[in-house]
Protein backbone atom coordinates (compact mmCIF):
# COMPACT_ATOMS: atom_id res chain seq x y z
CA MET A 1 60.25 37.44 -255.44
CA ILE A 2 57.10 39.51 -255.67
CA CYS A 3 54.76 38.33 -258.38
CA PHE A 4 54.48 41.04 -261.03
CA PHE A 5 52.31 38.93 -263.35
CA ARG A 6 49.45 37.11 -261.65
CA ARG A 7 47.97 35.82 -264.92
CA LEU A 8 49.39 35.86 -268.44
CA LYS A 9 46.98 35.52 -271.37
CA TYR A 10 48.27 34.90 -274.88
CA SER A 11 45.82 34.32 -277.69
CA ALA A 12 48.08 34.41 -280.78
CA PRO A 13 47.97 31.46 -283.21
CA SER A 14 49.89 28.38 -282.19
CA SER A 15 52.27 29.03 -285.08
CA SER A 16 53.22 32.46 -283.75
CA LEU A 17 55.85 33.23 -281.15
CA PRO A 18 56.34 36.91 -280.26
CA LEU A 19 59.93 37.79 -279.49
CA PHE A 20 58.71 39.67 -276.45
CA PHE A 21 57.39 36.43 -274.96
CA ILE A 22 60.73 34.71 -275.65
CA ALA A 23 62.60 37.52 -273.91
CA LEU A 24 60.17 37.52 -270.97
CA CYS A 25 60.58 33.78 -270.46
CA MET A 26 64.37 34.07 -270.64
CA VAL A 27 64.27 36.71 -267.91
CA LEU A 28 61.83 34.84 -265.69
CA LEU A 29 63.76 31.59 -265.93
CA ARG A 30 66.95 33.19 -264.66
CA PRO A 31 67.52 32.46 -260.96
CA GLY A 32 67.81 35.47 -258.75
CA VAL A 33 65.59 37.77 -260.80
CA ALA A 34 62.99 39.66 -258.76
CA PHE A 35 60.19 42.07 -259.52
CA SER A 36 59.14 44.42 -256.75
CA ALA A 37 55.61 45.45 -255.90
CA PRO A 38 54.13 47.07 -252.79
CA ALA A 39 52.82 43.80 -251.36
CA ILE A 40 54.47 43.01 -248.02
CA PRO A 41 53.69 45.69 -245.41
CA GLN A 42 56.57 47.71 -244.05
CA HIS A 43 57.71 47.08 -240.48
CA GLY A 44 55.56 49.08 -238.10
CA SER A 45 52.78 49.61 -240.60
CA LEU A 46 50.39 47.03 -239.12
CA GLU A 47 48.00 48.30 -236.47
CA THR A 48 49.08 45.62 -234.02
CA CYS A 49 51.68 45.31 -231.29
CA SER A 50 53.36 42.38 -233.00
CA ALA A 51 52.94 40.09 -235.99
CA ILE A 52 54.74 37.44 -237.99
CA LEU A 53 54.00 35.75 -241.33
CA TYR A 54 55.48 32.41 -242.32
CA ASP A 55 55.50 30.20 -245.42
CA LEU A 56 55.36 26.56 -244.28
CA ASP A 57 56.29 25.04 -247.63
CA HIS A 58 59.48 27.05 -248.03
CA ASP A 59 60.30 27.42 -244.32
CA ALA A 60 60.58 31.18 -244.72
CA ILE A 61 59.50 34.12 -242.59
CA LEU A 62 57.96 36.64 -244.98
CA PHE A 63 57.24 39.42 -242.50
CA GLU A 64 57.65 40.22 -238.85
CA GLN A 65 56.90 43.19 -236.61
CA ASN A 66 58.02 43.23 -232.97
CA ALA A 67 57.79 39.44 -233.06
CA ASP A 68 59.73 39.04 -229.80
CA GLN A 69 57.66 41.42 -227.69
CA HIS A 70 56.20 39.82 -224.54
CA ILE A 71 52.39 39.78 -224.62
CA PRO A 72 49.80 37.75 -222.65
CA PRO A 73 48.70 34.85 -224.88
CA ALA A 74 45.02 34.94 -223.91
CA SER A 75 43.10 32.08 -225.55
CA LEU A 76 45.96 31.26 -227.92
CA THR A 77 47.04 29.22 -224.90
CA LYS A 78 44.39 26.67 -225.85
CA VAL A 79 46.43 25.59 -228.90
CA LEU A 80 49.14 24.32 -226.55
CA SER A 81 46.55 22.59 -224.36
CA MET A 82 45.04 20.89 -227.41
CA PHE A 83 48.54 19.90 -228.56
CA LEU A 84 49.10 18.04 -225.29
CA ALA A 85 45.73 16.30 -225.55
CA MET A 86 46.54 15.17 -229.10
CA ASP A 87 49.90 13.86 -227.86
CA GLN A 88 48.13 11.70 -225.29
CA ILE A 89 45.73 10.40 -227.93
CA ARG A 90 48.65 9.41 -230.14
CA GLN A 91 50.35 7.67 -227.22
CA GLY A 92 47.17 5.71 -226.58
CA THR A 93 46.61 6.83 -222.99
CA VAL A 94 43.28 8.42 -224.02
CA ASN A 95 41.16 8.60 -227.16
CA LEU A 96 38.64 10.96 -228.70
CA ASN A 97 35.75 8.91 -227.33
CA SER A 98 37.10 8.83 -223.79
CA PRO A 99 34.34 9.94 -221.38
CA VAL A 100 35.09 12.95 -219.20
CA ILE A 101 33.09 13.86 -216.08
CA VAL A 102 33.16 17.64 -215.65
CA SER A 103 34.25 18.80 -212.19
CA ARG A 104 32.73 21.67 -210.25
CA ALA A 105 35.93 23.71 -210.66
CA ALA A 106 35.98 23.23 -214.42
CA ALA A 107 32.28 24.04 -214.79
CA ARG A 108 32.71 27.27 -212.82
CA THR A 109 35.63 28.58 -214.90
CA GLY A 110 34.80 32.10 -216.06
CA GLY A 111 35.26 33.99 -219.30
CA SER A 112 34.27 32.48 -222.63
CA ARG A 113 32.50 29.16 -222.14
CA MET A 114 31.31 26.08 -223.95
CA GLY A 115 28.46 25.83 -221.46
CA LEU A 116 29.49 22.85 -219.32
CA SER A 117 27.77 21.99 -216.08
CA GLU A 118 29.09 20.08 -213.11
CA LYS A 119 28.89 16.29 -213.64
CA ASP A 120 28.30 16.63 -217.38
CA ASN A 121 29.44 13.46 -219.12
CA VAL A 122 31.11 14.47 -222.38
CA THR A 123 33.75 12.99 -224.66
CA LEU A 124 37.25 14.31 -225.05
CA GLU A 125 36.40 15.12 -228.67
CA GLN A 126 33.51 17.32 -227.57
CA LEU A 127 35.80 19.18 -225.20
CA LEU A 128 38.42 19.76 -227.90
CA MET A 129 35.71 21.09 -230.19
CA GLY A 130 34.53 23.37 -227.39
CA MET A 131 38.06 24.69 -226.91
CA ALA A 132 38.57 25.40 -230.62
CA VAL A 133 35.14 26.79 -231.55
CA SER A 134 33.68 28.24 -228.35
CA SER A 135 37.09 29.10 -226.89
CA GLY A 136 35.66 27.44 -223.82
CA ASN A 137 37.67 28.03 -220.68
CA ASP A 138 35.48 25.47 -218.96
CA ALA A 139 36.38 22.90 -221.63
CA SER A 140 40.09 23.71 -221.26
CA ALA A 141 39.94 23.23 -217.51
CA ALA A 142 38.17 19.89 -217.93
CA VAL A 143 40.78 18.69 -220.45
CA ALA A 144 43.62 19.76 -218.15
CA GLU A 145 42.19 17.76 -215.25
CA PHE A 146 41.49 14.74 -217.42
CA VAL A 147 44.80 14.60 -219.32
CA GLY A 148 47.15 15.89 -216.63
CA GLY A 149 45.43 14.48 -213.56
CA SER A 150 45.28 17.98 -212.08
CA THR A 151 45.54 21.53 -213.35
CA PRO A 152 49.00 22.19 -211.79
CA ALA A 153 50.37 18.97 -213.29
CA PHE A 154 48.97 19.88 -216.69
CA VAL A 155 50.49 23.38 -216.54
CA SER A 156 53.88 21.78 -215.83
CA MET A 157 53.37 19.64 -218.92
CA MET A 158 52.54 22.78 -220.90
CA ASN A 159 55.76 24.56 -219.98
CA ALA A 160 57.84 21.44 -220.59
CA LYS A 161 56.26 21.08 -224.03
CA ALA A 162 56.89 24.73 -224.82
CA GLN A 163 60.57 24.36 -223.95
CA SER A 164 60.89 21.22 -226.04
CA LEU A 165 59.47 23.09 -229.04
CA GLY A 166 61.98 25.91 -228.64
CA MET A 167 59.57 28.49 -227.22
CA ARG A 168 62.20 30.45 -225.29
CA ASP A 169 60.09 33.48 -224.41
CA SER A 170 56.92 31.93 -223.01
CA GLN A 171 55.57 31.04 -219.60
CA PHE A 172 52.14 29.54 -218.95
CA ARG A 173 50.20 29.62 -215.70
CA ASN A 174 46.88 28.01 -216.70
CA PRO A 175 45.42 25.87 -219.51
CA HIS A 176 43.03 28.46 -220.97
CA GLY A 177 44.78 31.84 -221.06
CA LEU A 178 42.77 33.80 -218.51
CA PRO A 179 44.84 36.61 -216.94
CA ALA A 180 47.55 35.32 -214.60
CA ALA A 181 50.69 36.92 -213.20
CA GLY A 182 53.82 35.89 -215.06
CA GLN A 183 51.98 34.46 -218.07
CA TYR A 184 53.36 35.73 -221.38
CA THR A 185 54.48 34.72 -224.85
CA THR A 186 55.59 36.26 -228.15
CA ALA A 187 54.31 36.17 -231.70
CA ARG A 188 57.41 34.21 -232.68
CA ASP A 189 56.81 31.59 -230.00
CA MET A 190 53.16 31.28 -231.00
CA LEU A 191 54.28 30.71 -234.57
CA THR A 192 56.67 28.01 -233.37
CA LEU A 193 53.82 26.36 -231.46
CA ALA A 194 51.31 26.52 -234.31
CA ARG A 195 53.80 25.25 -236.88
CA ALA A 196 54.72 22.21 -234.76
CA TYR A 197 51.04 21.58 -234.00
CA LEU A 198 50.01 21.59 -237.67
CA GLN A 199 52.96 19.48 -238.73
CA ALA A 200 52.25 16.90 -236.04
CA TYR A 201 48.45 16.89 -236.34
CA PRO A 202 47.25 18.36 -239.65
CA ASP A 203 43.87 16.68 -239.14
CA ALA A 204 43.34 18.81 -236.03
CA LEU A 205 42.33 21.64 -238.34
CA ARG A 206 38.87 20.10 -238.43
CA PHE A 207 38.36 21.37 -234.89
CA HIS A 208 39.49 24.86 -235.82
CA ASN A 209 37.52 25.32 -239.04
CA THR A 210 34.19 24.25 -237.55
CA HIS A 211 31.90 27.28 -237.57
CA VAL A 212 29.37 26.48 -234.86
CA ILE A 213 28.61 23.93 -232.14
CA ASN A 214 25.61 23.26 -229.94
CA HIS A 215 26.01 21.88 -226.43
CA LYS A 216 22.72 21.23 -224.68
CA GLY A 217 21.01 24.05 -226.54
CA ARG A 218 23.85 26.52 -226.02
CA VAL A 219 25.01 27.60 -229.49
CA THR A 220 28.46 29.13 -229.84
CA TRP A 221 30.19 30.41 -232.96
CA ASN A 222 33.79 30.40 -234.08
CA LYS A 223 35.22 33.93 -233.76
CA ASN A 224 37.88 33.49 -236.44
CA PRO A 225 37.08 36.34 -238.91
CA LEU A 226 38.74 34.53 -241.82
CA LEU A 227 36.60 31.39 -241.88
CA GLY A 228 34.21 31.49 -244.81
CA GLN A 229 35.51 34.92 -245.77
CA TYR A 230 39.08 34.38 -246.96
CA PRO A 231 39.65 31.70 -249.65
CA GLY A 232 41.57 28.75 -248.23
CA ALA A 233 41.43 29.89 -244.59
CA ASP A 234 40.92 26.91 -242.28
CA GLY A 235 42.10 27.85 -238.80
CA LEU A 236 43.38 28.44 -236.17
CA LYS A 237 42.56 30.37 -232.93
CA THR A 238 41.59 33.79 -231.64
CA GLY A 239 42.16 35.25 -228.19
CA TRP A 240 41.57 38.35 -226.11
CA VAL A 241 42.22 39.65 -222.64
CA ASN A 242 42.37 43.31 -221.71
CA ALA A 243 46.13 43.21 -221.11
CA SER A 244 46.94 41.74 -224.51
CA GLY A 245 44.41 43.16 -226.92
CA TYR A 246 43.07 41.06 -229.78
CA ASN A 247 45.22 38.11 -230.82
CA ILE A 248 44.93 35.52 -233.56
CA ILE A 249 46.84 32.59 -235.01
CA PHE A 250 45.61 32.00 -238.55
CA THR A 251 46.43 29.88 -241.56
CA ALA A 252 45.29 29.49 -245.16
CA SER A 253 46.33 27.48 -248.19
CA HIS A 254 46.31 28.24 -251.92
CA GLY A 255 47.19 25.28 -254.09
CA SER A 256 50.28 23.67 -252.62
CA ARG A 257 51.24 26.68 -250.51
CA ARG A 258 50.25 27.18 -246.89
CA LEU A 259 50.82 30.35 -244.90
CA LEU A 260 50.74 30.63 -241.13
CA ALA A 261 50.65 33.90 -239.25
CA VAL A 262 50.23 35.43 -235.81
CA ILE A 263 48.86 38.84 -234.88
CA MET A 264 48.98 40.02 -231.28
CA GLY A 265 47.78 43.19 -229.62
CA ALA A 266 45.34 44.54 -232.21
CA PRO A 267 43.23 47.37 -230.77
CA ASP A 268 39.89 45.77 -231.70
CA SER A 269 38.44 42.72 -233.41
CA ARG A 270 37.82 44.55 -236.69
CA THR A 271 41.44 45.67 -236.99
CA ARG A 272 42.58 42.16 -236.16
CA GLY A 273 40.56 40.81 -239.10
CA VAL A 274 41.61 43.54 -241.53
CA GLU A 275 45.30 43.06 -240.79
CA ALA A 276 44.97 39.29 -241.05
CA PHE A 277 43.46 39.67 -244.53
CA ARG A 278 46.23 42.08 -245.44
CA LEU A 279 49.01 39.74 -244.38
CA LEU A 280 47.59 36.77 -246.25
CA ASP A 281 47.03 38.80 -249.42
CA ALA A 282 50.63 39.97 -249.29
CA GLY A 283 51.99 36.53 -248.51
CA PHE A 284 50.27 34.80 -251.39
CA GLN A 285 51.74 37.34 -253.82
CA VAL A 286 55.23 36.23 -252.90
CA CYS A 287 56.60 33.59 -255.28
CA ASP A 288 59.34 31.06 -254.85
CA ASN A 289 62.51 32.36 -256.52
CA ARG A 290 65.04 29.68 -255.79
CA ALA A 291 67.45 28.45 -258.45
CA ALA A 292 66.17 25.58 -260.57
CA SER A 293 62.54 26.39 -259.91
CA VAL A 294 60.39 26.19 -263.05
CA VAL A 295 58.60 29.46 -263.69
CA ALA A 296 57.36 28.65 -267.21
CA ALA A 297 57.82 26.01 -269.87
CA LEU A 298 57.66 26.38 -273.63
CA ASP A 299 56.82 23.67 -276.14
CA CYS A 300 59.44 22.80 -278.75
CA LEU A 301 58.60 24.00 -282.25
CA PRO A 302 58.00 21.13 -284.70
CA ALA A 303 60.10 20.92 -287.87
CA ASP A 304 57.23 21.94 -290.12
CA GLN A 305 56.49 25.11 -288.14
CA TYR A 306 57.70 27.76 -290.52
CA ARG A 307 56.03 31.09 -289.80
CA PHE A 308 57.27 33.62 -287.25
CA ASP A 309 55.35 36.85 -286.66
CA MET A 310 57.99 39.23 -285.37
CA HIS A 311 57.79 42.55 -283.56
CA LYS A 312 57.98 45.43 -286.01
CA THR A 313 61.19 46.76 -284.46
CA ALA A 314 62.98 43.44 -285.00
CA ARG A 315 64.86 43.22 -288.28
CA GLU A 316 66.42 39.81 -288.00
CA ALA A 317 65.79 36.53 -286.25
CA ARG A 318 68.58 34.08 -285.54
CA LEU A 319 67.48 30.45 -285.48
CA THR A 320 69.55 27.47 -284.34
CA TYR A 321 68.64 24.07 -285.81
CA ALA A 322 69.23 20.78 -284.09
CA SER A 323 69.61 19.00 -287.44
CA ALA A 324 72.64 19.09 -289.71
CA ASP A 325 70.68 20.73 -292.55
CA ASP A 326 71.60 24.15 -293.84
CA ALA A 327 69.45 26.84 -292.32
CA PRO A 328 66.59 27.21 -294.84
CA VAL A 329 65.68 30.79 -294.01
CA LYS A 330 64.72 33.30 -296.63
CA LYS A 331 63.70 36.83 -295.70
CA LEU A 332 60.52 38.07 -297.38
CA GLY A 333 59.28 41.63 -297.12
CA LYS A 334 60.83 44.31 -294.94
CA GLY A 335 61.44 43.48 -291.33
CA LYS A 336 57.98 42.38 -290.32
CA ASN A 337 57.87 38.89 -291.75
CA ALA A 338 60.47 36.23 -292.24
CA GLN A 339 59.48 32.94 -293.86
CA VAL A 340 61.22 29.60 -293.60
CA SER A 341 60.58 27.85 -296.92
CA LYS A 342 62.63 24.70 -296.84
CA SER A 343 60.34 22.76 -299.18
CA LYS A 344 60.35 25.53 -301.79
CA GLN A 345 64.09 25.97 -301.52
CA THR A 346 64.59 22.22 -301.85
CA ALA A 347 62.30 22.09 -304.89
CA LYS A 348 64.19 25.01 -306.45
CA SER A 349 67.56 23.38 -305.83
CA LYS A 350 66.30 20.17 -307.44
CA SER A 351 64.87 21.94 -310.49
CA GLN A 352 68.04 23.92 -311.26
CA PRO A 353 70.13 20.89 -312.45
CA LYS A 354 67.25 19.76 -314.69
CA LYS A 355 67.07 23.16 -316.35
CA LYS A 356 70.82 23.16 -316.95
CA GLU A 357 70.67 19.67 -318.46
CA ALA A 358 67.77 20.68 -320.70
CA ALA A 359 69.66 23.73 -321.88
CA LYS A 360 72.74 21.65 -322.69
CA ALA A 361 70.58 19.15 -324.57
CA GLY A 362 69.00 21.96 -326.60
CA VAL A 363 72.37 23.37 -327.59
CA LYS A 364 73.64 19.92 -328.56
CA GLN A 365 70.50 19.25 -330.64
CA LYS A 366 70.89 22.57 -332.45
CA ARG A 367 74.53 21.80 -333.26
CA THR A 368 73.52 18.40 -334.65
CA SER A 369 70.83 19.99 -336.84
CA ASP A 370 73.28 22.58 -338.18
CA GLN A 371 75.83 19.91 -339.06
CA ALA A 372 73.17 17.83 -340.86
CA ALA A 373 72.09 20.86 -342.87
CA ARG A 374 75.66 21.54 -344.00
CA ARG A 375 76.13 17.95 -345.09
CA ALA A 376 72.87 18.10 -347.06
CA ALA A 377 73.93 21.33 -348.74
CA ASP A 378 77.34 19.88 -349.69
CA SER A 379 75.75 16.78 -351.20
CA ALA A 380 73.25 18.87 -353.19
CA SER A 381 76.01 20.98 -354.74
């Protein structure tokens, strides 16, 4: 359901209850009712090759565009490499403080870099941070050698992991995403990967929402355009190679809701960021509309609440009482106001018998006086 009302303000007195509000609540509380608004983009309207938007809390795909198109993953590959490293940490074979000696091959890896040198002694945690923030290909190569024993062995682990997650349209040839023949994925598979990664290791987001790191004087910045710019955005990974265009896996949370999305093949970094903002804005305007969900709650009116300000077009109000009392409603004025005056009605009903008794007593007293006067007159004559 598309949210039509983002905020509802009502400043009437607590003793007032507009009939419009009652009707609105009755409509909103009905399951299956939807309001439409131009929020979710139409298929093909995004300036990207493919995209997909997913609501983690409700396990629902909110939007997709060419989500099964094969595209080189570029540095989105690093999410899978980090996933494998986190698996090994959980299994206890390595830990975040494990020392890693950087090899010559890893240090010479081209493309985006953390700035490693041959024989650098760094921790696994530093390498993971370098992969997430700097998008360091050198860090990815060092992690692959350390965790897998060799790069080919690690790549085999990557493909096995992808298959186990249900990534049916992906093949990986290296741990960092640099161009390689036969390496491809889809937006849907990247969503599957990111969802499993976040569900297994939610704390890993701390790597992905770090803005900047410094390794031996080399400062590198996180290229995620959402961090610090979109409320609730806290990850995940960007990527680019010439064959793929600009890719990004991104996530954000508002309250209890978390959205996860993938954009692949944007023509430039600016468009990638604009479309990411657009998807999140649309996604957070979509509300849960399942049966039995509570949209709004109204307080019960207390028994002494007696005034109802009604809409001018309403002529009558039907009230149902939980008690066995007669409905103490008396209409005052014309249409606009109706007043419940139970206390007055009760007082009136109590006073009526007294008045009748007083009247009877007066008549009886008069009759007695008349009879006494006649007797006095008779005796005088």
